[in-house]
Protein backbone atom coordinates (compact mmCIF):
# COMPACT_ATOMS: atom_id res chain seq x y z
CA MET A 1 -14.54 -22.49 -10.26
CA SER A 2 -13.62 -26.21 -9.95
CA SER A 3 -16.03 -29.09 -9.71
CA GLN A 4 -16.00 -33.01 -10.29
CA THR A 5 -18.54 -35.03 -12.07
CA PRO A 6 -18.77 -38.71 -11.94
CA SER A 7 -16.92 -40.75 -14.15
CA SER A 8 -19.16 -43.98 -12.96
CA GLY A 9 -21.70 -45.10 -10.49
CA THR A 10 -19.27 -47.73 -9.01
CA PRO A 11 -17.88 -47.39 -5.65
CA CYS A 12 -14.17 -46.98 -5.75
CA ASP A 13 -11.85 -49.92 -4.42
CA ARG A 14 -8.23 -50.32 -4.06
CA THR A 15 -7.58 -51.84 -7.31
CA GLN A 16 -9.27 -48.74 -9.50
CA LEU A 17 -7.19 -46.49 -7.46
CA MET A 18 -3.83 -48.03 -8.08
CA GLN A 19 -4.90 -48.02 -11.81
CA SER A 20 -5.39 -44.50 -11.60
CA LEU A 21 -2.08 -43.69 -9.68
CA GLY A 22 -0.49 -45.97 -12.30
CA ARG A 23 -1.76 -43.74 -14.83
CA GLN A 24 0.05 -40.90 -13.33
CA GLY A 25 3.49 -42.85 -12.99
CA ILE A 26 3.09 -43.75 -9.15
CA GLU A 27 3.39 -47.64 -8.79
CA ARG A 28 3.57 -48.06 -5.39
CA LEU A 29 2.34 -46.23 -1.89
CA SER A 30 5.03 -45.54 0.55
CA PRO A 31 5.01 -46.99 3.99
CA MET A 32 3.37 -43.64 5.49
CA GLN A 33 0.63 -43.89 2.94
CA GLU A 34 0.13 -48.00 3.16
CA ALA A 35 -0.13 -47.59 7.31
CA MET A 36 -2.88 -44.52 6.41
CA TRP A 37 -4.91 -46.61 4.11
CA GLU A 38 -4.87 -49.31 6.65
CA ALA A 39 -5.87 -47.14 9.47
CA GLY A 40 -8.53 -45.66 7.11
CA LEU A 41 -10.26 -49.27 7.42
CA GLY A 42 -10.79 -49.22 10.86
CA ASP A 43 -13.04 -47.02 12.72
CA ARG A 44 -10.69 -44.78 14.63
CA ASP A 45 -9.95 -41.06 14.22
CA VAL A 46 -6.56 -41.03 12.79
CA VAL A 47 -3.77 -38.21 13.50
CA LEU A 48 -1.25 -38.31 10.97
CA LEU A 49 2.38 -36.49 11.70
CA SER A 50 4.66 -36.53 8.67
CA PRO A 51 7.18 -33.95 7.02
CA THR A 52 5.93 -31.58 4.47
CA GLY A 53 6.55 -32.96 1.10
CA SER A 54 5.88 -36.41 2.20
CA GLY A 55 2.82 -37.74 0.17
CA LYS A 56 0.09 -36.89 3.00
CA THR A 57 -2.80 -35.82 0.24
CA LEU A 58 -2.74 -39.11 -1.05
CA ALA A 59 -2.46 -40.66 2.28
CA TYR A 60 -5.64 -39.18 3.14
CA LEU A 61 -7.83 -38.95 -0.28
CA LEU A 62 -7.20 -42.82 -1.07
CA PRO A 63 -9.25 -44.13 2.40
CA LEU A 64 -11.80 -41.01 1.94
CA ALA A 65 -12.66 -42.23 -1.38
CA THR A 66 -13.37 -45.75 -0.33
CA TRP A 67 -15.60 -44.38 2.28
CA LEU A 68 -18.47 -42.49 0.74
CA ASP A 69 -21.57 -43.33 -0.80
CA VAL A 70 -21.83 -42.93 -4.69
CA ALA A 71 -25.81 -43.20 -4.47
CA SER A 72 -25.98 -40.15 -1.87
CA ASP A 73 -26.44 -36.38 -3.25
CA ALA A 74 -25.55 -35.00 0.36
CA VAL A 75 -22.41 -33.54 1.25
CA GLN A 76 -20.68 -36.81 3.13
CA ALA A 77 -17.00 -35.29 3.59
CA VAL A 78 -15.32 -31.78 4.13
CA VAL A 79 -11.54 -31.86 3.81
CA LEU A 80 -10.30 -28.04 5.09
CA VAL A 81 -7.08 -26.63 4.07
CA PRO A 82 -5.18 -23.76 5.08
CA SER A 83 -5.01 -22.04 1.60
CA ARG A 84 -7.18 -21.56 -1.23
CA GLU A 85 -4.14 -22.55 -3.48
CA LEU A 86 -3.97 -25.64 -1.41
CA ALA A 87 -7.72 -26.18 -2.04
CA GLN A 88 -7.16 -26.44 -5.67
CA GLN A 89 -4.45 -28.65 -5.67
CA VAL A 90 -5.88 -30.90 -3.32
CA GLU A 91 -9.22 -31.00 -5.27
CA GLY A 92 -6.90 -31.43 -8.48
CA VAL A 93 -5.45 -34.53 -6.95
CA PHE A 94 -8.90 -35.98 -6.16
CA ARG A 95 -9.80 -35.42 -9.51
CA SER A 96 -7.12 -37.26 -10.78
CA LEU A 97 -7.72 -40.32 -8.90
CA ARG A 98 -10.98 -40.65 -11.28
CA THR A 99 -13.47 -41.43 -8.61
CA PRO A 100 -17.18 -41.39 -9.26
CA TYR A 101 -17.89 -38.86 -6.63
CA ARG A 102 -18.76 -35.25 -7.46
CA SER A 103 -16.74 -32.31 -5.65
CA VAL A 104 -16.90 -28.54 -5.34
CA CYS A 105 -13.79 -26.25 -4.27
CA CYS A 106 -14.91 -23.47 -2.02
CA HIS A 107 -12.34 -20.62 -0.89
CA GLY A 108 -12.21 -16.88 -0.55
CA GLY A 109 -11.50 -14.38 -3.60
CA ARG A 110 -14.79 -14.99 -5.05
CA PRO A 111 -18.73 -14.57 -4.14
CA ALA A 112 -19.97 -17.53 -2.07
CA MET A 113 -23.11 -17.13 -3.80
CA ASP A 114 -21.23 -18.41 -7.23
CA GLU A 115 -20.22 -21.34 -4.98
CA HIS A 116 -23.60 -22.13 -3.50
CA ARG A 117 -25.03 -21.76 -7.31
CA LEU A 118 -22.23 -24.67 -8.32
CA MET A 119 -23.46 -26.74 -5.12
CA ARG A 120 -27.05 -26.74 -5.80
CA SER A 121 -26.10 -27.94 -9.67
CA VAL A 122 -23.15 -30.38 -9.13
CA ARG A 123 -24.68 -31.59 -5.86
CA PRO A 124 -21.06 -32.81 -4.36
CA GLN A 125 -20.46 -35.43 -2.39
CA VAL A 126 -17.04 -33.83 -0.78
CA ILE A 127 -16.28 -30.40 -0.30
CA PHE A 128 -12.71 -28.87 -0.33
CA ALA A 129 -12.45 -25.63 1.57
CA THR A 130 -10.58 -22.92 3.54
CA PRO A 131 -12.00 -22.44 6.79
CA GLY A 132 -13.51 -19.32 6.75
CA ARG A 133 -15.42 -20.12 3.53
CA LEU A 134 -16.46 -23.06 5.16
CA CYS A 135 -17.95 -21.30 8.12
CA ASP A 136 -19.35 -18.97 5.64
CA HIS A 137 -21.14 -21.57 3.85
CA LEU A 138 -22.43 -23.59 7.13
CA ASP A 139 -23.55 -20.19 8.49
CA LYS A 140 -25.99 -19.88 5.49
CA GLU A 141 -26.89 -23.39 5.59
CA ASN A 142 -25.73 -23.83 2.10
CA ILE A 143 -24.22 -26.85 3.39
CA ALA A 144 -25.89 -29.18 5.75
CA GLY A 145 -23.81 -30.17 8.56
CA ALA A 146 -25.27 -32.18 10.14
CA ALA A 147 -25.20 -34.59 7.27
CA VAL A 148 -21.37 -34.58 6.97
CA ARG A 149 -19.87 -37.72 8.36
CA TRP A 150 -16.34 -37.45 7.21
CA LEU A 151 -13.62 -34.45 7.78
CA VAL A 152 -10.51 -34.30 7.12
CA VAL A 153 -8.35 -31.15 8.44
CA ASP A 154 -5.12 -30.90 6.47
CA GLU A 155 -2.20 -28.92 7.53
CA PHE A 156 -3.51 -28.45 11.09
CA ASP A 157 -0.50 -26.57 12.06
CA LYS A 158 -0.74 -24.05 9.28
CA CYS A 159 -4.44 -23.59 9.89
CA LEU A 160 -3.53 -22.47 13.63
CA GLU A 161 -0.73 -20.55 12.49
CA LEU A 162 -2.73 -18.40 10.37
CA GLY A 163 -5.07 -17.91 12.74
CA PHE A 164 -7.96 -19.86 12.12
CA ARG A 165 -8.76 -20.95 15.84
CA ASP A 166 -12.03 -19.50 15.98
CA GLU A 167 -13.38 -21.04 12.47
CA MET A 168 -11.67 -24.06 13.43
CA ARG A 169 -13.95 -24.10 16.87
CA ARG A 170 -16.94 -23.23 14.75
CA VAL A 171 -16.60 -26.23 12.63
CA VAL A 172 -16.76 -28.39 15.45
CA ALA A 173 -19.81 -27.06 16.50
CA ALA A 174 -21.18 -26.96 12.98
CA LEU A 175 -20.55 -30.91 12.30
CA PRO A 176 -22.21 -32.74 14.89
CA GLY A 177 -22.52 -35.99 12.74
CA VAL A 178 -19.01 -36.33 12.01
CA ARG A 179 -18.01 -40.27 12.49
CA ARG A 180 -14.64 -39.92 11.40
CA LEU A 181 -11.77 -37.22 11.84
CA VAL A 182 -8.40 -37.38 10.06
CA LEU A 183 -6.20 -34.70 11.08
CA THR A 184 -2.45 -33.86 9.16
CA SER A 185 0.25 -31.77 10.61
CA ALA A 186 3.78 -31.70 9.46
CA THR A 187 4.89 -30.45 13.22
CA ASP A 188 3.25 -31.84 16.39
CA SER A 189 1.31 -29.43 18.76
CA GLU A 190 -0.32 -29.45 22.11
CA GLU A 191 -3.37 -28.29 20.46
CA ILE A 192 -4.02 -31.33 18.74
CA ALA A 193 -5.21 -33.69 21.46
CA PRO A 194 -7.98 -30.75 22.49
CA PHE A 195 -9.48 -30.35 19.02
CA VAL A 196 -9.69 -34.25 18.32
CA SER A 197 -11.32 -34.91 21.36
CA ALA A 198 -13.96 -32.00 20.70
CA PHE A 199 -15.24 -34.28 18.15
CA GLY A 200 -15.41 -37.48 20.94
CA GLY A 201 -17.75 -38.53 23.46
CA ALA A 202 -18.02 -41.57 25.94
CA HIS A 203 -18.60 -43.64 22.98
CA ARG A 204 -15.29 -42.56 20.74
CA ARG A 205 -12.24 -44.60 20.92
CA PRO A 206 -8.95 -42.79 21.56
CA ALA A 207 -7.73 -41.48 18.07
CA LEU A 208 -4.85 -43.68 16.46
CA ARG A 209 -1.75 -41.57 15.99
CA LEU A 210 0.77 -42.42 12.81
CA ASP A 211 3.97 -40.28 14.05
CA TYR A 212 6.42 -40.12 11.03
CA LEU A 213 8.43 -37.00 11.98
CA THR A 214 11.29 -38.52 13.90
CA GLY A 215 13.14 -40.87 12.04
CA GLY A 216 9.90 -42.23 9.96
CA PRO A 217 10.20 -43.71 6.54
CA SER A 218 8.72 -40.66 5.17
CA ALA A 219 11.05 -38.39 6.96
CA PRO A 220 12.96 -35.94 4.55
CA THR A 221 16.14 -35.20 6.30
CA GLY A 222 18.09 -37.85 4.54
CA ARG A 223 16.91 -36.32 1.33
CA ILE A 224 17.84 -32.87 1.26
CA ARG A 225 21.35 -31.56 1.48
CA HIS A 226 21.98 -28.23 3.36
CA PHE A 227 24.56 -25.62 2.41
CA VAL A 228 25.41 -22.02 3.99
CA VAL A 229 26.03 -19.56 1.22
CA HIS A 230 28.40 -16.27 2.83
CA SER A 231 27.38 -13.04 1.14
CA PRO A 232 30.49 -10.66 1.43
CA GLU A 233 28.08 -7.80 1.48
CA ASN A 234 24.93 -7.06 3.64
CA ASP A 235 22.81 -6.74 0.74
CA LYS A 236 22.54 -10.43 -0.54
CA LEU A 237 21.24 -9.78 -4.31
CA ASP A 238 24.87 -10.30 -5.94
CA THR A 239 25.49 -13.46 -3.93
CA LEU A 240 21.82 -14.81 -4.64
CA THR A 241 22.43 -14.20 -8.63
CA ALA A 242 25.56 -16.13 -8.48
CA LEU A 243 23.89 -19.09 -6.74
CA LEU A 244 21.05 -19.09 -9.16
CA GLY A 245 23.59 -18.87 -12.08
CA ASP A 246 25.22 -22.47 -10.23
CA LEU A 247 21.92 -23.98 -10.01
CA ARG A 248 21.64 -24.00 -14.21
CA GLY A 249 18.02 -23.51 -14.44
CA ARG A 250 16.73 -26.12 -11.73
CA PRO A 251 13.13 -24.99 -10.31
CA THR A 252 14.04 -23.07 -7.48
CA ILE A 253 12.03 -21.25 -4.69
CA VAL A 254 13.52 -18.34 -3.17
CA PHE A 255 12.01 -17.03 0.35
CA VAL A 256 12.09 -13.70 1.58
CA GLY A 257 10.40 -12.01 4.79
CA TYR A 258 8.31 -9.33 3.13
CA ARG A 259 6.09 -8.65 0.43
CA GLU A 260 8.41 -5.65 -0.72
CA SER A 261 11.51 -7.94 -0.99
CA VAL A 262 9.57 -10.26 -3.38
CA GLU A 263 9.08 -6.89 -5.36
CA ARG A 264 12.68 -5.97 -5.02
CA VAL A 265 14.16 -9.23 -5.92
CA GLY A 266 12.16 -10.25 -8.34
CA GLU A 267 12.85 -6.98 -10.10
CA HIS A 268 16.61 -7.48 -9.68
CA LEU A 269 16.67 -11.19 -11.07
CA ALA A 270 14.54 -9.94 -13.98
CA ARG A 271 17.40 -7.19 -14.87
CA THR A 272 20.03 -9.92 -14.56
CA GLY A 273 18.48 -11.97 -17.01
CA PHE A 274 16.41 -14.42 -14.72
CA HIS A 275 13.09 -16.00 -15.49
CA ALA A 276 11.62 -15.34 -12.27
CA GLU A 277 8.36 -15.31 -10.96
CA ARG A 278 7.04 -13.00 -8.00
CA TYR A 279 4.50 -14.76 -5.43
CA HIS A 280 2.84 -13.19 -2.19
CA GLY A 281 -0.30 -12.34 -0.48
CA GLY A 282 -1.01 -8.78 -1.76
CA MET A 283 -1.14 -9.82 -5.44
CA GLU A 284 -4.34 -10.36 -6.97
CA GLN A 285 -5.50 -14.18 -7.20
CA GLN A 286 -4.89 -14.22 -10.93
CA TRP A 287 -1.48 -12.98 -10.88
CA ARG A 288 -0.60 -15.29 -8.21
CA GLU A 289 -2.27 -18.42 -10.29
CA ARG A 290 -0.42 -17.32 -13.37
CA ALA A 291 2.84 -17.38 -11.18
CA VAL A 292 2.24 -20.67 -10.14
CA TYR A 293 1.21 -22.00 -13.61
CA LYS A 294 4.51 -20.53 -15.02
CA PHE A 295 6.66 -21.65 -12.54
CA ARG A 296 5.14 -25.30 -12.45
CA SER A 297 4.84 -25.61 -16.18
CA GLY A 298 8.80 -24.73 -16.49
CA CYS A 299 7.87 -21.28 -18.20
CA SER A 300 9.89 -19.95 -15.60
CA ASN A 301 12.32 -21.60 -13.39
CA VAL A 302 12.49 -19.16 -10.06
CA LEU A 303 9.69 -18.38 -7.64
CA VAL A 304 10.19 -15.65 -5.60
CA SER A 305 7.99 -15.63 -2.44
CA THR A 306 7.10 -14.90 1.05
CA ASP A 307 6.25 -17.95 3.23
CA LEU A 308 2.70 -17.84 1.70
CA ALA A 309 4.55 -20.46 -0.84
CA ALA A 310 5.56 -22.62 2.40
CA ARG A 311 1.93 -23.01 2.87
CA GLY A 312 0.77 -25.33 0.76
CA LEU A 313 2.07 -25.12 -2.81
CA ASP A 314 2.51 -28.74 -3.76
CA ILE A 315 5.25 -28.44 -6.87
CA PRO A 316 7.06 -32.16 -6.95
CA GLU A 317 9.68 -30.67 -9.52
CA VAL A 318 11.07 -28.07 -7.03
CA GLU A 319 15.10 -29.16 -6.63
CA ALA A 320 15.95 -26.09 -4.58
CA VAL A 321 14.68 -23.60 -1.85
CA VAL A 322 17.06 -20.49 -1.08
CA HIS A 323 16.30 -18.90 2.28
CA TYR A 324 17.32 -15.39 1.08
CA HIS A 325 16.05 -14.16 4.58
CA LEU A 326 16.06 -16.65 7.53
CA PRO A 327 13.07 -18.72 8.27
CA ALA A 328 11.47 -16.83 11.37
CA ASP A 329 11.37 -20.19 13.40
CA ARG A 330 11.47 -23.90 13.01
CA ASN A 331 8.13 -24.36 11.53
CA ALA A 332 8.75 -22.04 9.11
CA TYR A 333 12.10 -23.75 8.50
CA VAL A 334 10.26 -26.93 8.00
CA HIS A 335 7.63 -25.75 5.74
CA ARG A 336 9.93 -23.83 3.52
CA THR A 337 11.93 -26.75 3.14
CA GLY A 338 9.51 -28.85 2.45
CA ARG A 339 8.92 -27.72 -0.70
CA THR A 340 11.60 -29.69 -2.02
CA GLY A 341 12.54 -33.37 -1.73
CA ARG A 342 9.12 -34.21 -2.16
CA TRP A 343 8.23 -37.70 -1.70
CA GLU A 344 11.45 -39.86 -2.62
CA ALA A 345 13.08 -37.47 -4.71
CA GLY A 346 16.07 -35.25 -3.34
CA GLY A 347 16.54 -31.58 -2.63
CA GLN A 348 18.56 -28.88 -1.60
CA SER A 349 18.23 -26.42 0.34
CA TYR A 350 20.69 -23.04 0.81
CA PHE A 351 20.88 -20.42 3.72
CA LEU A 352 22.08 -17.13 2.51
CA ILE A 353 23.95 -15.53 5.44
CA ASN A 354 25.55 -11.94 5.61
CA PRO A 355 28.02 -10.53 7.99
CA LYS A 356 25.54 -9.59 10.60
CA GLU A 357 23.63 -13.02 10.81
CA ALA A 358 24.01 -16.44 12.05
CA LEU A 359 22.58 -19.58 11.42
CA PRO A 360 19.71 -20.00 13.55
CA ASP A 361 19.64 -22.42 16.61
CA TYR A 362 16.79 -24.38 15.79
CA LEU A 363 18.31 -26.17 12.53
CA ASP A 364 18.64 -29.88 12.99
CA CYS A 365 21.46 -30.33 10.54
CA GLN A 366 25.01 -29.03 10.28
CA PRO A 367 24.68 -27.18 6.29
CA GLU A 368 27.79 -27.61 4.32
CA ASP A 369 29.61 -24.39 2.91
CA TYR A 370 28.85 -23.45 -0.48
CA VAL A 371 30.89 -20.77 -2.83
CA PRO A 372 29.04 -19.89 -6.07
CA ALA A 373 31.36 -19.61 -9.08
CA GLN A 374 33.04 -16.56 -9.86
CA PRO A 375 32.41 -14.69 -12.10
CA PRO A 376 28.83 -15.71 -11.96
CA LEU A 377 27.57 -18.24 -14.66
CA SER A 378 24.94 -16.92 -17.07
CA PRO A 379 20.99 -17.43 -16.42
CA VAL A 380 19.56 -20.53 -18.11
CA GLU A 381 16.64 -19.97 -20.25
CA PRO A 382 13.74 -22.38 -19.75
CA ARG A 383 12.72 -24.47 -22.36
CA TRP A 384 8.97 -23.56 -22.50
CA VAL A 385 6.62 -20.19 -22.47
CA THR A 386 3.31 -20.05 -21.55
CA VAL A 387 0.13 -19.37 -24.11
CA TYR A 388 -3.29 -18.04 -23.08
CA VAL A 389 -6.04 -19.25 -25.02
CA GLY A 390 -9.36 -17.61 -24.37
CA LYS A 391 -11.80 -20.70 -24.35
CA GLY A 392 -11.93 -23.71 -21.65
CA ARG A 393 -13.94 -26.32 -20.44
CA LYS A 394 -17.41 -24.59 -20.41
CA ASP A 395 -16.78 -23.92 -24.15
CA LYS A 396 -16.24 -28.00 -24.30
CA ILE A 397 -12.58 -27.72 -25.14
CA SER A 398 -10.34 -30.45 -23.47
CA LYS A 399 -6.37 -30.63 -23.60
CA ALA A 400 -6.96 -33.27 -26.62
CA ASP A 401 -8.86 -30.38 -28.62
CA LEU A 402 -5.68 -28.30 -27.79
CA VAL A 403 -3.05 -30.74 -28.63
CA GLY A 404 -4.81 -31.30 -31.83
CA PHE A 405 -5.30 -27.21 -32.54
CA PHE A 406 -1.46 -26.48 -32.23
CA CYS A 407 -0.28 -29.54 -34.17
CA LYS A 408 -2.68 -29.15 -37.03
CA LYS A 409 -2.93 -25.40 -37.22
CA GLY A 410 0.17 -24.15 -35.75
CA GLY A 411 2.74 -26.93 -37.28
CA LEU A 412 3.80 -28.14 -34.03
CA ARG A 413 4.59 -31.67 -32.80
CA ALA A 414 3.02 -33.44 -29.57
CA ASP A 415 6.86 -32.91 -27.96
CA ASP A 416 6.66 -29.22 -28.57
CA LEU A 417 4.03 -28.61 -26.33
CA GLY A 418 4.56 -29.24 -22.47
CA ARG A 419 2.05 -28.82 -19.64
CA ILE A 420 -1.78 -27.59 -20.39
CA ASP A 421 -4.10 -26.35 -17.68
CA VAL A 422 -7.65 -25.98 -18.96
CA LYS A 423 -10.06 -23.75 -16.84
CA ASP A 424 -13.66 -22.90 -16.87
CA ARG A 425 -13.17 -19.92 -19.24
CA TYR A 426 -9.56 -20.39 -20.70
CA ALA A 427 -6.49 -22.55 -20.66
CA TYR A 428 -2.69 -22.44 -20.15
CA VAL A 429 -0.39 -24.02 -22.60
CA SER A 430 3.35 -24.44 -22.37
CA VAL A 431 5.00 -24.28 -26.07
CA ASP A 432 8.42 -24.30 -27.04
CA ARG A 433 10.30 -21.21 -26.90
CA ALA A 434 12.05 -21.49 -30.14
CA LYS A 435 8.85 -22.48 -31.86
CA VAL A 436 6.10 -20.34 -30.04
CA ARG A 437 6.12 -17.57 -32.34
CA ALA A 438 5.69 -18.99 -35.52
CA ALA A 439 3.24 -21.15 -34.14
CA LEU A 440 1.26 -17.88 -32.92
CA ARG A 441 1.48 -16.53 -36.63
CA ALA A 442 0.18 -19.56 -38.10
CA VAL A 443 -3.01 -19.98 -35.67
CA ALA A 444 -3.74 -16.28 -36.05
CA GLY A 445 -7.55 -16.03 -36.66
CA GLU A 446 -7.73 -20.13 -36.79
CA LYS A 447 -10.97 -21.58 -35.00
CA ILE A 448 -10.61 -24.03 -31.99
CA LYS A 449 -13.78 -26.66 -32.63
CA GLY A 450 -15.39 -23.74 -34.73
CA LEU A 451 -14.93 -21.41 -32.28
CA ARG A 452 -12.98 -17.86 -32.66
CA THR A 453 -10.75 -17.35 -29.46
CA LEU A 454 -7.68 -15.26 -28.63
CA VAL A 455 -4.49 -17.19 -28.57
CA GLU A 456 -1.25 -15.04 -27.15
CA LEU A 457 1.50 -15.16 -24.97
CA MET A 458 0.37 -14.96 -21.34
CA ARG A 459 0.92 -11.09 -20.13
CA HIS A 460 3.00 -10.60 -17.09
């Protein structure tokens, strides 16, 4: 369960926030983000229409960080998102800005009472939440709805697509004090205007629309190349294997239509030597979390998923998406394809077509033909492997502590370690595959900051 504690008592300004971004290698904002920041200085609601992967999260978090009152213990802002994974990711981006504001992330899959206890302890000024869990806390008066002044609804179209209309209406009624609404969406919708106007009144000025969907500077179509790959058989597994071999280990999401297909395709790729993770709504949260970590950290280079991964997973390193099963409609196509080509990076989108299929009519591009190499190239093994450490933040363990432990006790260098994620009670560490066995033997029985703990390869 994540929360953020203050780093100082001074409200944020643009200089501080840009310094935080600079430490992450972000030197400038996109035109869309600059426009959103300028809009945030005004007094109007904002509707931001921009493609998936164009940086909408920072676009609304940056002005949000300048609105809040650092001296108040009340929940002043709520950021509403369609999935627990996105709630966690967006709060992670907010934490990376190193603002003085406290936050709590609320979502299903764990007891609401635990979140309530955390709220009473942390006294958050910002809540990141999924619609159902937010309504739960508002109904129980765990959050004082009348005190909330700012509401961000991120990925409004996905909230509707996932069936949260009733919850969204309840949110409108439960937050009567909202002075500023920011709504983002990767697709336009007739339902946006009624939702925004529900927060209005005679005194409210019309919302400002920032539309970057059609030809705006953030549109991704020029950054993503589209290909069609013809499978000679109805079963596309061999064609998929050949295509992934050609991609030479570049981070790739393979989208399928059903949970059962995730398992079937994942098992096939494992048998043929690929390091592929599986991701779908039928998995327990801890296994989904582990799959995303291994893929994000480069410990695996293929993620096989239903459209669940198109609903908010933000992994900038993704270089390609493969539509093993064709997207159900244009919205699904937009969100899937938006997993690659994030920000200003390039990306590739592959449509696998068998003899009984045809490219969908809703495509706004003409894909190029692509023929995989024959015989197929061998899978590329990822550099990293994931190590589980049984201590975390609540045990006063930091990333620096883990680097020191593996370097001093495990005989590794800093560049032998990749991504490190420290959770409340455990941590994940990416270690060079060629050196991990020797490192685990060296640290066996050793203590981290005086604490004995389990250190082992992450279980699948």
